[in-house]
């Protein structure tokens, strides 16, 4: 079968791109379509596939300002020529599913979330925007929201990355979905002996409002316990300004530094609500427990009392109480790490391949799985006008 993979943009290697990487490994002859492509910012596994960009990729400074071209992305998607493809897998979080599938092709959408900035987090994004964006955002979001609802009808089958996202798909599109959790490279992390674990907590992630990083900083400011914060974002300067000496805000760090702190922290603090949340799984793969807000994807990855504890409201008092509870539990690091393996890349690829094969049975088509050691292919990049 001829397969196309559609992703919103390829400018880094976050959770969505890890899904694309796994799909490229599963289907090495698939062609990849996206709005903007920065080859040096993605993995070699993705670069091996033929990558085609929409006209967004040729607009001024698209590699940096791609999100500002959001109003043009529906038009750009509908211009992608997918004639001849039998299977189309779109990866949705930014606009990706709105392609026009050819007759007879099956369109499967792996949804990380319906676009947050026009649906469940519209008011939060607007509140944090500048005055001009705040003014134009209601009309712009209304236009994109209508297109997004209509484009959902072009999808034959939805796959959600969590039960949380499945509920949003039903709420906003009135569509059922199958849940397959995204891949996490659990083998990239290490579990250290207890004597090497240090007495500090860790918070990791993009430092933006909806992730509530200030909650963790304020809680540890009050208790005086050590906290290390890793991540960049719009709140970095603010957090450094309010942090007391016991709170270290490192900013963005390379993977080796992140891996070091995952393995040595006493626990991970996760104060926000995420669609799925790869960070808690990475901490658990390192044998460390997670102290998480009991909402969103964390409720599907953290097992209370086994791999972490929850708090039920986003307040300093609730977070402090949960941290104190975590201190009183004798954690079993290797048991935590073993539990994290249920979210591994191998599990994702197995579940995804099986589900896609089942969906394709009515078409009497087959797709051959390949191993990560598939033969290398030259990278190809095209641009459609």
Protein backbone atom coordinates (compact mmCIF):
# COMPACT_ATOMS: atom_id res chain seq x y z
CA UNK A 1 0.00 0.00 0.00
CA UNK A 2 1.04 3.59 -0.58
CA UNK A 3 1.08 5.44 2.75
CA UNK A 4 1.15 9.15 3.64
CA UNK A 5 1.88 10.55 7.10
CA UNK A 6 0.69 14.12 7.77
CA UNK A 7 2.07 16.16 10.68
CA UNK A 8 1.49 19.81 11.56
CA UNK A 9 5.17 20.92 11.62
CA UNK A 10 8.58 19.30 12.01
CA UNK A 11 10.71 21.85 13.84
CA UNK A 12 11.81 19.84 16.91
CA UNK A 13 11.52 16.49 18.66
CA UNK A 14 8.70 16.70 21.20
CA UNK A 15 5.96 14.16 21.88
CA UNK A 16 4.19 14.59 18.54
CA UNK A 17 7.42 14.15 16.61
CA UNK A 18 8.22 11.00 18.61
CA UNK A 19 4.97 9.57 17.24
CA UNK A 20 6.04 10.50 13.69
CA UNK A 21 9.44 8.91 14.32
CA UNK A 22 7.76 5.66 15.39
CA UNK A 23 5.43 5.73 12.37
CA UNK A 24 8.40 6.28 10.04
CA UNK A 25 10.08 3.27 11.60
CA UNK A 26 6.94 1.17 11.21
CA UNK A 27 6.27 2.31 7.64
CA UNK A 28 9.69 3.21 6.17
CA UNK A 29 8.36 3.71 2.65
CA UNK A 30 5.70 6.21 3.75
CA UNK A 31 5.82 9.80 2.50
CA UNK A 32 5.62 12.56 5.11
CA UNK A 33 3.67 15.79 4.57
CA UNK A 34 3.96 18.82 6.83
CA UNK A 35 3.69 22.60 6.83
CA UNK A 36 7.26 23.44 7.90
CA UNK A 37 10.32 21.20 7.94
CA UNK A 38 13.66 21.87 9.65
CA UNK A 39 15.70 18.72 8.89
CA UNK A 40 18.44 19.36 11.44
CA UNK A 41 15.84 19.68 14.21
CA UNK A 42 14.38 16.18 13.79
CA UNK A 43 15.72 12.66 14.10
CA UNK A 44 17.52 10.70 11.42
CA UNK A 45 14.61 8.25 11.39
CA UNK A 46 12.30 11.01 10.12
CA UNK A 47 14.89 12.44 7.72
CA UNK A 48 15.11 9.07 5.95
CA UNK A 49 11.57 9.47 4.65
CA UNK A 50 10.54 11.67 1.77
CA UNK A 51 9.19 14.91 3.28
CA UNK A 52 6.89 17.28 1.37
CA UNK A 53 5.98 20.72 2.73
CA UNK A 54 2.92 22.84 2.08
CA UNK A 55 3.32 26.40 0.80
CA UNK A 56 3.61 27.54 4.45
CA UNK A 57 7.19 26.31 4.40
CA UNK A 58 8.09 28.88 1.73
CA UNK A 59 6.68 31.89 3.55
CA UNK A 60 9.06 34.39 5.22
CA UNK A 61 10.79 33.02 8.33
CA UNK A 62 8.41 30.07 8.43
CA UNK A 63 10.86 27.98 10.48
CA UNK A 64 10.48 30.45 13.36
CA UNK A 65 7.11 32.11 12.78
CA UNK A 66 5.10 29.10 11.61
CA UNK A 67 2.42 29.49 14.28
CA UNK A 68 1.61 32.99 13.00
CA UNK A 69 0.60 31.42 9.70
CA UNK A 70 -2.16 29.39 11.40
CA UNK A 71 -4.97 31.17 9.47
CA UNK A 72 -3.44 29.96 6.18
CA UNK A 73 -2.94 26.35 7.25
CA UNK A 74 -6.45 25.09 6.38
CA UNK A 75 -5.93 26.36 2.83
CA UNK A 76 -2.44 24.86 2.71
CA UNK A 77 -3.62 21.43 3.86
CA UNK A 78 -6.35 21.29 1.24
CA UNK A 79 -3.79 21.96 -1.49
CA UNK A 80 -1.70 18.88 -0.62
CA UNK A 81 -2.11 16.36 -3.43
CA UNK A 82 -2.64 12.91 -1.89
CA UNK A 83 -3.94 11.16 -4.98
CA UNK A 84 -2.66 7.60 -5.21
CA UNK A 85 -2.32 7.03 -1.48
CA UNK A 86 -4.20 4.10 0.07
CA UNK A 87 -3.63 4.97 3.74
CA UNK A 88 -3.25 8.43 5.29
CA UNK A 89 -2.24 8.79 8.95
CA UNK A 90 -2.51 12.35 10.23
CA UNK A 91 -1.00 13.52 13.50
CA UNK A 92 -3.23 16.21 14.98
CA UNK A 93 -2.53 18.88 17.58
CA UNK A 94 -1.94 21.73 15.20
CA UNK A 95 -3.79 21.66 11.85
CA UNK A 96 -2.98 18.34 10.13
CA UNK A 97 -6.13 16.27 9.67
CA UNK A 98 -7.76 18.76 7.26
CA UNK A 99 -6.29 17.21 4.12
CA UNK A 100 -8.68 16.11 1.36
CA UNK A 101 -8.36 12.30 1.21
CA UNK A 102 -8.73 10.76 -2.24
CA UNK A 103 -11.62 8.38 -2.97
CA UNK A 104 -10.97 4.89 -1.63
CA UNK A 105 -8.21 5.95 0.77
CA UNK A 106 -8.50 5.39 4.51
CA UNK A 107 -7.74 8.40 6.72
CA UNK A 108 -6.74 7.60 10.31
CA UNK A 109 -6.06 10.52 12.65
CA UNK A 110 -3.80 10.05 15.67
CA UNK A 111 -4.95 12.94 17.85
CA UNK A 112 -2.74 14.41 20.57
CA UNK A 113 -5.55 16.89 21.22
CA UNK A 114 -8.00 18.99 19.24
CA UNK A 115 -6.25 22.34 18.83
CA UNK A 116 -6.07 23.68 22.38
CA UNK A 117 -5.92 27.35 21.41
CA UNK A 118 -9.35 27.25 19.72
CA UNK A 119 -11.09 24.68 21.96
CA UNK A 120 -10.48 23.78 25.59
CA UNK A 121 -7.80 26.43 26.29
CA UNK A 122 -9.05 29.27 24.10
CA UNK A 123 -9.61 31.70 26.99
CA UNK A 124 -6.26 30.90 28.64
CA UNK A 125 -4.35 31.52 25.40
CA UNK A 126 -6.26 34.72 24.70
CA UNK A 127 -5.69 36.01 28.23
CA UNK A 128 -1.90 35.58 27.86
CA UNK A 129 -1.76 37.19 24.40
CA UNK A 130 -0.85 40.76 23.49
CA UNK A 131 -3.55 43.40 22.86
CA UNK A 132 -3.64 42.97 19.06
CA UNK A 133 -3.87 39.18 19.25
CA UNK A 134 -6.55 39.42 21.95
CA UNK A 135 -8.58 41.66 19.64
CA UNK A 136 -8.41 39.47 16.51
CA UNK A 137 -8.40 36.08 18.24
CA UNK A 138 -12.19 35.63 18.70
CA UNK A 139 -12.98 36.09 15.00
CA UNK A 140 -9.95 34.10 13.87
CA UNK A 141 -10.67 31.25 16.28
CA UNK A 142 -14.31 31.19 15.16
CA UNK A 143 -13.24 30.73 11.53
CA UNK A 144 -10.70 28.00 12.35
CA UNK A 145 -13.11 26.31 14.77
CA UNK A 146 -15.74 25.95 12.06
CA UNK A 147 -13.20 24.59 9.59
CA UNK A 148 -11.80 22.24 12.23
CA UNK A 149 -15.24 20.79 13.00
CA UNK A 150 -15.96 20.25 9.31
CA UNK A 151 -12.54 18.69 8.66
CA UNK A 152 -13.18 16.11 11.38
CA UNK A 153 -15.71 14.54 9.01
CA UNK A 154 -12.84 13.78 6.60
CA UNK A 155 -11.37 11.32 9.11
CA UNK A 156 -12.47 7.69 8.93
CA UNK A 157 -11.10 6.65 12.33
CA UNK A 158 -9.72 8.61 15.28
CA UNK A 159 -7.04 7.36 17.66
CA UNK A 160 -6.64 9.39 20.86
CA UNK A 161 -3.40 9.54 22.82
CA UNK A 162 -5.29 9.35 26.14
CA UNK A 163 -8.76 8.98 27.62
CA UNK A 164 -8.64 12.72 28.29
CA UNK A 165 -8.22 13.44 24.59
CA UNK A 166 -10.84 10.84 23.67
CA UNK A 167 -13.32 12.79 25.80
CA UNK A 168 -12.42 16.01 23.94
CA UNK A 169 -12.89 14.31 20.58
CA UNK A 170 -16.38 13.33 21.64
CA UNK A 171 -17.11 16.78 23.09
CA UNK A 172 -15.91 18.88 20.14
CA UNK A 173 -16.32 16.56 17.13
CA UNK A 174 -18.90 14.05 18.42
CA UNK A 175 -16.57 11.28 17.30
CA UNK A 176 -15.63 8.02 18.98
CA UNK A 177 -11.98 7.01 19.18
CA UNK A 178 -9.61 4.28 20.27
CA UNK A 179 -6.98 5.14 22.89
CA UNK A 180 -3.35 4.24 22.17
CA UNK A 181 -0.86 5.98 24.42
CA UNK A 182 2.09 7.68 22.66
CA UNK A 183 5.58 6.15 22.66
CA UNK A 184 8.09 6.92 25.41
CA UNK A 185 11.72 5.86 25.10
CA UNK A 186 11.81 4.25 28.54
CA UNK A 187 15.12 2.51 27.74
CA UNK A 188 16.90 5.87 27.61
CA UNK A 189 16.71 6.28 31.40
CA UNK A 190 18.48 4.63 34.33
CA UNK A 191 17.49 3.53 37.83
CA UNK A 192 20.17 4.31 40.41
CA UNK A 193 20.84 2.71 43.82
CA UNK A 194 19.10 4.44 46.73
CA UNK A 195 22.35 5.89 48.08
CA UNK A 196 22.78 7.96 44.90
CA UNK A 197 19.35 9.55 45.10
CA UNK A 198 19.52 13.09 46.46
CA UNK A 199 17.14 15.07 48.65
CA UNK A 200 15.52 17.37 46.10
CA UNK A 201 12.46 17.38 43.87
CA UNK A 202 12.43 18.07 40.15
CA UNK A 203 10.06 19.85 37.80
CA UNK A 204 10.49 19.48 34.03
CA UNK A 205 8.61 21.01 31.12
CA UNK A 206 7.84 24.11 29.13
CA UNK A 207 7.40 27.01 31.54
CA UNK A 208 4.03 28.33 30.38
CA UNK A 209 0.90 29.33 32.25
CA UNK A 210 -1.30 26.27 31.83
CA UNK A 211 1.44 23.99 33.20
CA UNK A 212 1.37 25.98 36.47
CA UNK A 213 5.13 25.97 37.19
CA UNK A 214 4.74 28.89 39.61
CA UNK A 215 2.71 26.59 41.87
CA UNK A 216 5.72 24.35 42.45
CA UNK A 217 8.11 27.28 42.97
CA UNK A 218 5.77 28.94 45.48
CA UNK A 219 5.26 25.66 47.37
CA UNK A 220 8.98 25.02 47.72
CA UNK A 221 9.62 28.67 48.55
CA UNK A 222 7.36 28.13 51.54
CA UNK A 223 8.72 24.76 52.71
CA UNK A 224 12.40 25.51 52.12
CA UNK A 225 12.90 22.10 50.52
CA UNK A 226 15.15 21.91 47.43
CA UNK A 227 13.58 22.10 43.98
CA UNK A 228 15.31 21.98 40.58
CA UNK A 229 13.38 23.37 37.58
CA UNK A 230 14.35 22.40 34.02
CA UNK A 231 12.72 23.98 30.97
CA UNK A 232 12.38 27.15 28.96
CA UNK A 233 9.40 29.28 28.05
CA UNK A 234 7.67 32.57 28.61
CA UNK A 235 7.70 32.22 32.43
CA UNK A 236 11.42 31.48 32.81
CA UNK A 237 12.43 35.00 33.84
CA UNK A 238 9.49 35.34 36.22
CA UNK A 239 10.26 32.04 37.96
CA UNK A 240 13.91 33.00 38.38
CA UNK A 241 12.80 36.29 39.89
CA UNK A 242 10.48 34.75 42.50
CA UNK A 243 12.58 31.66 43.32
CA UNK A 244 14.28 31.58 46.73
CA UNK A 245 17.82 30.16 47.13
CA UNK A 246 16.52 26.62 47.71
CA UNK A 247 14.88 26.65 44.24
CA UNK A 248 17.25 26.31 41.29
CA UNK A 249 15.81 27.30 37.89
CA UNK A 250 18.21 25.84 35.32
CA UNK A 251 16.29 26.77 32.18
CA UNK A 252 16.54 24.56 29.06
CA UNK A 253 19.04 21.72 29.39
CA UNK A 254 20.41 18.95 27.11
CA UNK A 255 19.12 15.42 27.48
CA UNK A 256 22.13 14.21 29.49
CA UNK A 257 21.46 16.80 32.20
CA UNK A 258 17.77 15.95 32.23
CA UNK A 259 18.53 12.22 32.50
CA UNK A 260 20.96 12.92 35.36
CA UNK A 261 18.32 14.76 37.38
CA UNK A 262 15.54 12.27 36.63
CA UNK A 263 17.65 9.50 38.16
CA UNK A 264 18.79 11.46 41.22
CA UNK A 265 15.74 13.47 42.30
CA UNK A 266 13.58 12.33 45.19
CA UNK A 267 10.38 12.87 43.18
CA UNK A 268 9.01 14.70 40.13
CA UNK A 269 6.55 17.56 40.64
CA UNK A 270 3.86 17.74 37.94
CA UNK A 271 1.45 20.58 38.77
CA UNK A 272 -0.30 21.08 35.41
CA UNK A 273 -2.97 19.31 33.40
CA UNK A 274 -1.67 17.61 30.25
CA UNK A 275 -3.27 15.70 27.38
CA UNK A 276 -1.01 12.74 28.16
CA UNK A 277 2.24 13.91 29.72
CA UNK A 278 5.48 12.20 28.71
CA UNK A 279 7.51 13.79 31.52
CA UNK A 280 5.91 11.70 34.33
CA UNK A 281 6.58 8.50 32.37
CA UNK A 282 10.24 9.50 31.87
CA UNK A 283 10.58 10.10 35.62
CA UNK A 284 8.96 6.75 36.38
CA UNK A 285 11.27 5.03 33.87
CA UNK A 286 14.06 6.40 36.09
CA UNK A 287 12.44 4.76 39.11
CA UNK A 288 11.28 8.04 40.65
CA UNK A 289 7.74 8.71 41.92
CA UNK A 290 5.55 11.52 40.58
CA UNK A 291 3.58 14.08 42.59
CA UNK A 292 0.86 15.10 40.14
CA UNK A 293 -2.32 17.12 39.86
CA UNK A 294 -5.19 14.63 39.53
CA UNK A 295 -6.41 15.74 36.13
CA UNK A 296 -5.66 14.89 32.52
CA UNK A 297 -3.21 12.31 31.27
CA UNK A 298 -1.40 11.92 34.60
CA UNK A 299 -4.43 10.01 35.91
CA UNK A 300 -3.72 7.38 33.22
CA UNK A 301 0.03 7.10 33.76
CA UNK A 302 0.59 7.56 37.50
CA UNK A 303 -0.59 4.77 39.81
CA UNK A 304 -1.41 6.28 43.20
CA UNK A 305 0.72 4.79 45.96
CA UNK A 306 2.76 2.69 43.50
CA UNK A 307 4.38 5.17 41.10
CA UNK A 308 3.31 8.45 42.68
CA UNK A 309 0.71 10.45 44.57
CA UNK A 310 -1.96 12.96 43.53
CA UNK A 311 -3.26 16.28 44.79
CA UNK A 312 -6.80 17.37 43.94
CA UNK A 313 -6.60 21.14 43.59
CA UNK A 314 -4.00 23.41 42.08
CA UNK A 315 -3.02 25.16 45.27
CA UNK A 316 0.20 25.53 47.25
CA UNK A 317 -1.33 23.85 50.30
CA UNK A 318 -2.51 20.82 48.32
CA UNK A 319 0.88 20.41 46.65
CA UNK A 320 2.74 20.66 49.97
CA UNK A 321 0.43 18.05 51.53
CA UNK A 322 1.03 15.66 48.61
CA UNK A 323 4.80 16.15 48.85
CA UNK A 324 4.67 15.33 52.55
CA UNK A 325 2.65 12.20 51.82
CA UNK A 326 5.18 11.11 49.20
CA UNK A 327 7.98 11.47 51.76
CA UNK A 328 6.28 8.90 53.97
CA UNK A 329 6.08 6.16 51.33
CA UNK A 330 8.80 3.53 50.87
CA UNK A 331 9.02 3.59 47.08
CA UNK A 332 10.24 0.62 45.05
CA UNK A 333 12.25 2.17 42.19
CA UNK A 334 12.53 -0.95 40.05
CA UNK A 335 8.80 -1.60 40.43
CA UNK A 336 8.10 1.98 39.30
CA UNK A 337 10.41 1.57 36.29
CA UNK A 338 8.78 -1.76 35.38
CA UNK A 339 5.35 -0.11 35.50
CA UNK A 340 6.57 2.63 33.13
CA UNK A 341 7.38 0.04 30.47
CA UNK A 342 3.71 -0.26 29.56
CA UNK A 343 4.18 3.11 27.79
CA UNK A 344 7.26 2.06 25.81
CA UNK A 345 7.86 2.66 22.11
CA UNK A 346 7.63 -1.08 21.46
CA UNK A 347 4.17 -1.24 23.04
CA UNK A 348 3.00 1.76 20.97
CA UNK A 349 4.24 0.28 17.70
CA UNK A 350 2.67 -3.10 18.44
CA UNK A 351 -0.72 -1.61 19.39
CA UNK A 352 -0.70 0.87 16.51
CA UNK A 353 0.22 -1.75 13.90
CA UNK A 354 -2.45 -4.15 15.14
CA UNK A 355 -5.15 -1.48 15.20
CA UNK A 356 -4.29 -0.13 11.74
CA UNK A 357 -4.29 -3.66 10.32
CA UNK A 358 -7.73 -4.33 11.81
CA UNK A 359 -9.10 -1.10 10.35
CA UNK A 360 -7.73 -2.00 6.93
CA UNK A 361 -9.22 -5.51 6.84
CA UNK A 362 -12.40 -4.37 5.06
CA UNK A 363 -10.14 -2.98 2.30
CA UNK A 364 -8.35 -6.34 2.06
CA UNK A 365 -5.01 -4.50 2.31
CA UNK A 366 -1.90 -5.45 4.29
CA UNK A 367 0.97 -3.38 5.66
CA UNK A 368 4.29 -5.02 6.44
CA UNK A 369 5.98 -4.07 9.69
CA UNK A 370 9.68 -3.29 9.63
CA UNK A 371 12.29 -3.25 12.37
CA UNK A 372 14.19 -0.14 13.52
CA UNK A 373 17.10 -1.45 11.49
CA UNK A 374 15.39 -0.86 8.15
CA UNK A 375 17.68 -0.08 5.26
CA UNK A 376 18.69 3.60 5.09
CA UNK A 377 17.12 5.71 2.40
CA UNK A 378 18.13 9.15 1.10
CA UNK A 379 16.29 12.10 2.60
CA UNK A 380 14.05 13.92 0.15
CA UNK A 381 12.34 17.25 0.57
CA UNK A 382 9.78 18.72 -1.79
CA UNK A 383 7.64 21.83 -1.62
CA UNK A 384 4.21 22.19 -3.12
CA UNK A 385 3.14 25.57 -4.41
